Amino acid sequence: MNISESYQEACRLLKQNRKEASKKIFESILAEKPGHFESINKLGTIYAIQGELDDAKNMYLKALEINPDYVPALCNLANIYNQNGDFENALKYYSISIEKDSKYPMTYYNLSVLYKSHKDYDNYLKCINQYKKSLKNQIDQEDKPKILKGRSRTLIIAALIFIVMFIFSIIRGRYI
């Protein structure tokens, strides 16, 4: 199994709440490729789920040392600050996350949670609406390749039919 497949498998296991199994795979990925910031970020997520917030924070910071533009780690780091009651740093990292990728839905969702906890309902509603828009765009983007594949297949079939008809017309002595 290559690194990409291992990473996908570990993510699948993590979604099934099989933290230890996924952690082993992420660690094996890092043994092979120490700079795999996505795996470092996911290890941070495992630590956060287990309540090991300092370890989680360190993992997110390590991922950001490797790739300062990695939005999931920025958002996760903001979540840690929010959980620790450091709302100033939470806002800072949510803002950086939005600057890096204004279409990442989870930043808006998590930021809305922060605003709601502070009873800032205007910003809460703005973030929830932006979350819905970003999530819809993400879903639409994920569906596009399927649509393109279907259209591409149709175009290929149509082109093949045209070629076959053209060859038969040449054989028969007629041109289309």
Protein backbone atom coordinates (compact mmCIF):
# COMPACT_ATOMS: atom_id res chain seq x y z
CA MET A 1 0.00 0.00 0.00
CA ASN A 2 1.44 3.42 -0.93
CA ILE A 3 1.40 6.47 1.33
CA SER A 4 -1.75 7.92 -0.23
CA GLU A 5 -3.66 4.66 0.20
CA SER A 6 -2.36 4.25 3.76
CA TYR A 7 -3.43 7.81 4.57
CA GLN A 8 -6.93 7.21 3.18
CA GLU A 9 -7.21 3.97 5.14
CA ALA A 10 -6.11 5.70 8.36
CA CYS A 11 -8.66 8.48 7.78
CA ARG A 12 -11.38 5.89 7.20
CA LEU A 13 -10.45 4.15 10.46
CA LEU A 14 -10.45 7.47 12.31
CA LYS A 15 -13.97 8.21 11.03
CA GLN A 16 -14.98 4.84 12.48
CA ASN A 17 -13.50 5.99 15.82
CA ARG A 18 -10.76 3.37 15.58
CA LYS A 19 -8.18 5.80 16.91
CA GLU A 20 -5.42 3.36 17.84
CA ALA A 21 -5.48 1.58 14.47
CA SER A 22 -5.47 4.87 12.58
CA LYS A 23 -2.73 6.27 14.83
CA LYS A 24 -0.47 3.31 13.99
CA ILE A 25 -0.94 3.91 10.27
CA PHE A 26 -0.29 7.66 10.56
CA GLU A 27 2.86 6.89 12.56
CA SER A 28 4.01 4.38 9.96
CA ILE A 29 3.49 6.98 7.25
CA LEU A 30 5.62 9.42 9.24
CA ALA A 31 8.33 6.79 9.72
CA GLU A 32 8.53 6.55 5.93
CA LYS A 33 7.89 10.23 5.16
CA PRO A 34 8.51 12.46 8.23
CA GLY A 35 7.28 15.60 6.45
CA HIS A 36 3.80 14.24 5.72
CA PHE A 37 2.01 17.17 7.33
CA GLU A 38 -1.45 15.72 6.69
CA SER A 39 -0.62 12.73 8.91
CA ILE A 40 0.87 15.00 11.55
CA ASN A 41 -2.36 17.01 11.53
CA LYS A 42 -4.45 13.84 11.90
CA LEU A 43 -2.32 12.69 14.82
CA GLY A 44 -3.12 16.05 16.39
CA THR A 45 -6.80 15.32 15.86
CA ILE A 46 -6.43 11.97 17.62
CA TYR A 47 -4.71 13.66 20.54
CA ALA A 48 -7.44 16.31 20.68
CA ILE A 49 -10.17 13.66 20.72
CA GLN A 50 -8.37 11.94 23.59
CA GLY A 51 -8.20 15.24 25.50
CA GLU A 52 -4.43 15.56 25.11
CA LEU A 53 -4.67 19.18 24.00
CA ASP A 54 -1.01 20.11 24.49
CA ASP A 55 0.10 17.18 22.32
CA ALA A 56 -2.56 18.08 19.76
CA LYS A 57 -1.38 21.69 19.68
CA ASN A 58 2.22 20.55 19.19
CA MET A 59 1.20 18.34 16.26
CA TYR A 60 -0.70 21.19 14.59
CA LEU A 61 2.24 23.54 15.07
CA LYS A 62 4.58 20.91 13.63
CA ALA A 63 2.32 20.47 10.58
CA LEU A 64 2.30 24.25 10.12
CA GLU A 65 6.11 24.39 10.34
CA ILE A 66 6.18 22.10 7.32
CA ASN A 67 3.30 23.75 5.46
CA PRO A 68 2.22 27.14 6.87
CA ASP A 69 -0.67 27.27 4.37
CA TYR A 70 -2.29 24.01 5.48
CA VAL A 71 -5.76 25.24 6.41
CA PRO A 72 -7.00 22.16 8.33
CA ALA A 73 -4.06 22.52 10.76
CA LEU A 74 -4.73 26.27 11.12
CA CYS A 75 -8.38 25.59 11.87
CA ASN A 76 -7.53 22.76 14.28
CA LEU A 77 -5.01 24.95 16.10
CA ALA A 78 -7.71 27.62 16.45
CA ASN A 79 -10.02 24.95 17.89
CA ILE A 80 -7.41 24.10 20.54
CA TYR A 81 -7.09 27.76 21.50
CA ASN A 82 -10.88 28.02 21.65
CA GLN A 83 -11.12 24.92 23.89
CA ASN A 84 -8.45 26.40 26.18
CA GLY A 85 -10.40 29.68 26.47
CA ASP A 86 -7.81 31.68 24.47
CA PHE A 87 -10.37 33.37 22.24
CA GLU A 88 -7.93 35.99 20.95
CA ASN A 89 -5.62 33.34 19.47
CA ALA A 90 -8.59 31.28 18.31
CA LEU A 91 -9.90 34.28 16.33
CA LYS A 92 -6.40 34.96 15.03
CA TYR A 93 -5.97 31.45 13.62
CA TYR A 94 -9.51 31.25 12.26
CA SER A 95 -8.80 34.54 10.46
CA ILE A 96 -5.52 33.23 9.06
CA SER A 97 -7.34 30.10 7.94
CA ILE A 98 -9.92 32.21 6.07
CA GLU A 99 -7.16 34.33 4.52
CA LYS A 100 -5.46 31.17 3.22
CA ASP A 101 -8.66 29.53 1.96
CA SER A 102 -11.92 31.43 2.18
CA LYS A 103 -13.81 28.37 0.91
CA TYR A 104 -12.87 25.92 3.68
CA PRO A 105 -16.23 25.23 5.38
CA MET A 106 -15.01 23.95 8.74
CA THR A 107 -13.35 27.26 9.59
CA TYR A 108 -16.71 29.01 9.33
CA TYR A 109 -18.49 26.32 11.30
CA ASN A 110 -15.95 26.39 14.14
CA LEU A 111 -15.85 30.18 14.13
CA SER A 112 -19.64 30.23 14.40
CA VAL A 113 -19.37 28.01 17.50
CA LEU A 114 -16.95 30.52 19.03
CA TYR A 115 -19.25 33.46 18.27
CA LYS A 116 -22.29 31.62 19.61
CA SER A 117 -20.50 30.81 22.86
CA HIS A 118 -19.86 34.55 23.26
CA LYS A 119 -23.47 35.41 22.39
CA ASP A 120 -22.31 37.34 19.30
CA TYR A 121 -25.31 36.22 17.26
CA ASP A 122 -24.76 38.56 14.30
CA ASN A 123 -21.33 37.10 13.58
CA TYR A 124 -22.61 33.64 14.47
CA LEU A 125 -25.29 33.90 11.75
CA LYS A 126 -22.82 35.33 9.23
CA CYS A 127 -20.47 32.42 9.82
CA ILE A 128 -23.23 29.82 9.65
CA ASN A 129 -24.40 31.27 6.32
CA GLN A 130 -20.84 31.29 4.99
CA TYR A 131 -20.42 27.71 6.21
CA LYS A 132 -23.51 26.63 4.27
CA LYS A 133 -22.26 28.38 1.10
CA SER A 134 -18.76 26.91 1.44
CA LEU A 135 -20.09 23.44 2.13
CA LYS A 136 -22.41 23.61 -0.88
CA ASN A 137 -19.51 24.73 -3.09
CA GLN A 138 -17.35 21.90 -1.75
CA ILE A 139 -20.06 19.34 -2.49
CA ASP A 140 -20.57 20.82 -5.96
CA GLN A 141 -16.81 20.60 -6.62
CA GLU A 142 -16.74 16.96 -5.53
CA ASP A 143 -19.60 16.17 -7.93
CA LYS A 144 -17.99 17.88 -10.93
CA PRO A 145 -15.48 15.14 -11.75
CA LYS A 146 -18.32 12.60 -11.85
CA ILE A 147 -20.27 14.86 -14.19
CA LEU A 148 -17.24 15.43 -16.39
CA LYS A 149 -16.55 11.71 -16.54
CA GLY A 150 -20.10 11.09 -17.69
CA ARG A 151 -19.93 13.83 -20.31
CA SER A 152 -16.48 12.71 -21.43
CA ARG A 153 -17.74 9.16 -21.82
CA THR A 154 -20.69 10.40 -23.90
CA LEU A 155 -18.40 12.48 -26.12
CA ILE A 156 -16.05 9.52 -26.63
CA ILE A 157 -18.95 7.23 -27.55
CA ALA A 158 -20.32 9.85 -29.95
CA ALA A 159 -16.88 10.28 -31.53
CA LEU A 160 -16.50 6.50 -31.91
CA ILE A 161 -19.93 6.24 -33.54
CA PHE A 162 -18.98 9.04 -35.93
CA ILE A 163 -15.67 7.32 -36.80
CA VAL A 164 -17.38 3.97 -37.41
CA MET A 165 -20.01 5.65 -39.61
CA PHE A 166 -17.25 7.50 -41.49
CA ILE A 167 -15.32 4.26 -42.10
CA PHE A 168 -18.46 2.48 -43.33
CA SER A 169 -19.26 5.39 -45.64
CA ILE A 170 -15.74 5.23 -47.09
CA ILE A 171 -16.06 1.47 -47.57
CA ARG A 172 -19.39 1.99 -49.33
CA GLY A 173 -17.97 4.85 -51.34
CA ARG A 174 -20.01 7.56 -49.75
CA TYR A 175 -18.83 10.41 -47.62
CA ILE A 176 -20.72 11.89 -44.76
